[in-house]
Every structure is written in C-alpha cells, then in structure tokens.
Amino acid sequence: MPEFISSPPFLIIAAIFAVFLIIGILKHAFRFVIWVAVIFVILLGLGIVKQAELVQWFKSLREMVG
C-alpha cells in the first residue's frame, strides 16, 4: 500500500483533486462573503444597525481572529 500512495500517478490525481477542492471552497466562501455584505447593507438601509456598531463588531472580530 505505501508504494501505491507514493506512486506518481496517485500523487498527480491527489494534487488535481486538492486543487478542485480548494477552488470549490473559495467559490463558496466568496458567495458567503457576498451574502453577509448584502445582509449588512439591508440592515443599514432599514436602520436596524448603526454604522458605529458595525465598525465595533469588525474590530472585535479582527481581535478574535488575529
């Protein structure tokens, strides 16, 4: 079995699969970011959320992540 995993055809197929997987994840992540932006614009337009609250939320989010 280790010979199969280290064989060049298997590694090429695994690399191609990994590239498609990353492209799929990025595409869905981009759609998610667009939906979040649309929701924030709607909330700002309706006056439910104030701009200062959004700025504070992004600052706290950045502190949590990094």
N, C-alpha and C. Protein backbone atom coordinates (compact mmCIF):
# COMPACT_ATOMS: atom_id res chain seq x y z
N MET A 1 0.82 -1.22 0.00
CA MET A 1 0.00 0.00 0.00
C MET A 1 0.86 1.28 0.00
N PRO A 2 1.96 1.36 0.78
CA PRO A 2 2.77 2.58 0.72
C PRO A 2 3.34 2.86 -0.67
N GLU A 3 3.60 1.79 -1.44
CA GLU A 3 4.11 2.00 -2.79
C GLU A 3 3.06 2.69 -3.66
N PHE A 4 1.80 2.33 -3.45
CA PHE A 4 0.72 2.92 -4.24
C PHE A 4 0.56 4.40 -3.90
N ILE A 5 0.64 4.73 -2.62
CA ILE A 5 0.43 6.12 -2.18
C ILE A 5 1.56 7.02 -2.67
N SER A 6 2.76 6.49 -2.78
CA SER A 6 3.88 7.32 -3.22
C SER A 6 4.12 7.26 -4.73
N SER A 7 3.25 6.58 -5.46
CA SER A 7 3.43 6.48 -6.91
C SER A 7 3.04 7.79 -7.59
N PRO A 8 3.74 8.17 -8.65
CA PRO A 8 3.45 9.44 -9.34
C PRO A 8 2.02 9.58 -9.85
N PRO A 9 1.39 8.55 -10.45
CA PRO A 9 0.00 8.75 -10.90
C PRO A 9 -0.96 9.07 -9.75
N PHE A 10 -0.77 8.41 -8.63
CA PHE A 10 -1.63 8.68 -7.48
C PHE A 10 -1.42 10.10 -6.97
N LEU A 11 -0.16 10.54 -6.92
CA LEU A 11 0.13 11.88 -6.43
C LEU A 11 -0.42 12.95 -7.38
N ILE A 12 -0.38 12.69 -8.67
CA ILE A 12 -0.94 13.64 -9.64
C ILE A 12 -2.46 13.74 -9.48
N ILE A 13 -3.12 12.60 -9.33
CA ILE A 13 -4.58 12.60 -9.14
C ILE A 13 -4.94 13.29 -7.83
N ALA A 14 -4.17 13.02 -6.77
CA ALA A 14 -4.43 13.66 -5.48
C ALA A 14 -4.24 15.18 -5.57
N ALA A 15 -3.22 15.62 -6.32
CA ALA A 15 -2.98 17.06 -6.46
C ALA A 15 -4.11 17.73 -7.24
N ILE A 16 -4.58 17.10 -8.30
CA ILE A 16 -5.69 17.65 -9.08
C ILE A 16 -6.95 17.73 -8.22
N PHE A 17 -7.22 16.69 -7.45
CA PHE A 17 -8.38 16.69 -6.56
C PHE A 17 -8.27 17.81 -5.53
N ALA A 18 -7.05 18.02 -4.99
CA ALA A 18 -6.85 19.07 -3.99
C ALA A 18 -7.09 20.45 -4.59
N VAL A 19 -6.64 20.67 -5.82
CA VAL A 19 -6.85 21.96 -6.47
C VAL A 19 -8.34 22.22 -6.67
N PHE A 20 -9.08 21.22 -7.16
CA PHE A 20 -10.52 21.40 -7.34
C PHE A 20 -11.23 21.62 -6.00
N LEU A 21 -10.78 20.95 -4.97
CA LEU A 21 -11.37 21.13 -3.64
C LEU A 21 -11.15 22.55 -3.14
N ILE A 22 -9.95 23.08 -3.32
CA ILE A 22 -9.65 24.44 -2.88
C ILE A 22 -10.46 25.45 -3.68
N ILE A 23 -10.58 25.24 -4.99
CA ILE A 23 -11.38 26.14 -5.82
C ILE A 23 -12.84 26.13 -5.36
N GLY A 24 -13.37 24.95 -5.06
CA GLY A 24 -14.75 24.85 -4.58
C GLY A 24 -14.96 25.55 -3.26
N ILE A 25 -14.01 25.40 -2.35
CA ILE A 25 -14.13 26.05 -1.04
C ILE A 25 -14.07 27.57 -1.20
N LEU A 26 -13.15 28.05 -2.04
CA LEU A 26 -13.04 29.50 -2.23
C LEU A 26 -14.27 30.08 -2.90
N LYS A 27 -14.85 29.34 -3.84
CA LYS A 27 -16.05 29.83 -4.53
C LYS A 27 -17.21 29.97 -3.54
N HIS A 28 -17.39 28.97 -2.68
CA HIS A 28 -18.47 29.05 -1.71
C HIS A 28 -18.19 30.10 -0.64
N ALA A 29 -16.93 30.26 -0.28
CA ALA A 29 -16.58 31.30 0.70
C ALA A 29 -16.86 32.68 0.12
N PHE A 30 -16.57 32.86 -1.17
CA PHE A 30 -16.83 34.15 -1.82
C PHE A 30 -18.32 34.44 -1.83
N ARG A 31 -19.14 33.43 -2.13
CA ARG A 31 -20.60 33.62 -2.10
C ARG A 31 -21.06 33.98 -0.70
N PHE A 32 -20.49 33.33 0.32
CA PHE A 32 -20.86 33.61 1.70
C PHE A 32 -20.54 35.06 2.06
N VAL A 33 -19.37 35.54 1.65
CA VAL A 33 -18.98 36.92 1.93
C VAL A 33 -19.94 37.88 1.25
N ILE A 34 -20.34 37.58 0.03
CA ILE A 34 -21.30 38.44 -0.68
C ILE A 34 -22.63 38.47 0.06
N TRP A 35 -23.12 37.32 0.52
CA TRP A 35 -24.38 37.30 1.26
C TRP A 35 -24.29 38.09 2.56
N VAL A 36 -23.17 37.97 3.26
CA VAL A 36 -23.00 38.73 4.50
C VAL A 36 -23.01 40.23 4.21
N ALA A 37 -22.34 40.63 3.13
CA ALA A 37 -22.31 42.05 2.76
C ALA A 37 -23.71 42.54 2.41
N VAL A 38 -24.48 41.76 1.67
CA VAL A 38 -25.83 42.14 1.30
C VAL A 38 -26.71 42.29 2.55
N ILE A 39 -26.58 41.35 3.47
CA ILE A 39 -27.37 41.42 4.70
C ILE A 39 -27.02 42.68 5.50
N PHE A 40 -25.71 43.00 5.59
CA PHE A 40 -25.32 44.21 6.31
C PHE A 40 -25.85 45.47 5.64
N VAL A 41 -25.83 45.50 4.32
CA VAL A 41 -26.36 46.67 3.60
C VAL A 41 -27.86 46.81 3.85
N ILE A 42 -28.58 45.71 3.84
CA ILE A 42 -30.02 45.75 4.11
C ILE A 42 -30.28 46.23 5.54
N LEU A 43 -29.52 45.72 6.50
CA LEU A 43 -29.71 46.14 7.89
C LEU A 43 -29.37 47.62 8.06
N LEU A 44 -28.33 48.09 7.38
CA LEU A 44 -28.01 49.52 7.45
C LEU A 44 -29.12 50.35 6.79
N GLY A 45 -29.63 49.88 5.67
CA GLY A 45 -30.68 50.61 4.97
C GLY A 45 -31.96 50.70 5.77
N LEU A 46 -32.28 49.66 6.48
CA LEU A 46 -33.50 49.66 7.31
C LEU A 46 -33.31 50.40 8.62
N GLY A 47 -32.09 50.74 8.94
CA GLY A 47 -31.82 51.46 10.19
C GLY A 47 -31.78 50.56 11.41
N ILE A 48 -31.71 49.27 11.21
CA ILE A 48 -31.68 48.34 12.35
C ILE A 48 -30.30 48.37 13.00
N VAL A 49 -29.26 48.50 12.19
CA VAL A 49 -27.89 48.51 12.68
C VAL A 49 -27.27 49.85 12.34
N LYS A 50 -26.56 50.43 13.28
CA LYS A 50 -25.86 51.69 13.05
C LYS A 50 -24.45 51.40 12.55
N GLN A 51 -23.89 52.36 11.82
CA GLN A 51 -22.56 52.17 11.25
C GLN A 51 -21.50 52.00 12.35
N ALA A 52 -21.64 52.71 13.44
CA ALA A 52 -20.67 52.61 14.54
C ALA A 52 -20.69 51.20 15.14
N GLU A 53 -21.86 50.59 15.22
CA GLU A 53 -21.96 49.22 15.74
C GLU A 53 -21.24 48.24 14.82
N LEU A 54 -21.37 48.44 13.51
CA LEU A 54 -20.68 47.56 12.55
C LEU A 54 -19.17 47.70 12.66
N VAL A 55 -18.68 48.93 12.81
CA VAL A 55 -17.24 49.15 12.93
C VAL A 55 -16.73 48.48 14.19
N GLN A 56 -17.45 48.60 15.28
CA GLN A 56 -17.05 47.96 16.53
C GLN A 56 -17.08 46.44 16.40
N TRP A 57 -18.08 45.91 15.70
CA TRP A 57 -18.18 44.47 15.51
C TRP A 57 -17.00 43.94 14.71
N PHE A 58 -16.61 44.66 13.64
CA PHE A 58 -15.46 44.24 12.83
C PHE A 58 -14.16 44.33 13.61
N LYS A 59 -14.03 45.35 14.46
CA LYS A 59 -12.82 45.47 15.28
C LYS A 59 -12.72 44.30 16.25
N SER A 60 -13.80 43.95 16.89
CA SER A 60 -13.77 42.83 17.83
C SER A 60 -13.57 41.51 17.10
N LEU A 61 -14.11 41.39 15.89
CA LEU A 61 -13.91 40.18 15.11
C LEU A 61 -12.44 40.03 14.71
N ARG A 62 -11.82 41.13 14.32
CA ARG A 62 -10.40 41.09 13.93
C ARG A 62 -9.52 40.73 15.13
N GLU A 63 -9.88 41.22 16.31
CA GLU A 63 -9.12 40.88 17.51
C GLU A 63 -9.27 39.40 17.86
N MET A 64 -10.45 38.85 17.64
CA MET A 64 -10.67 37.43 17.93
C MET A 64 -9.88 36.55 16.97
N VAL A 65 -9.83 36.93 15.70
CA VAL A 65 -9.15 36.12 14.69
C VAL A 65 -7.64 36.25 14.82
N GLY A 66 -7.15 37.44 14.95
CA GLY A 66 -5.69 37.65 14.94
C GLY A 66 -5.21 38.10 16.23
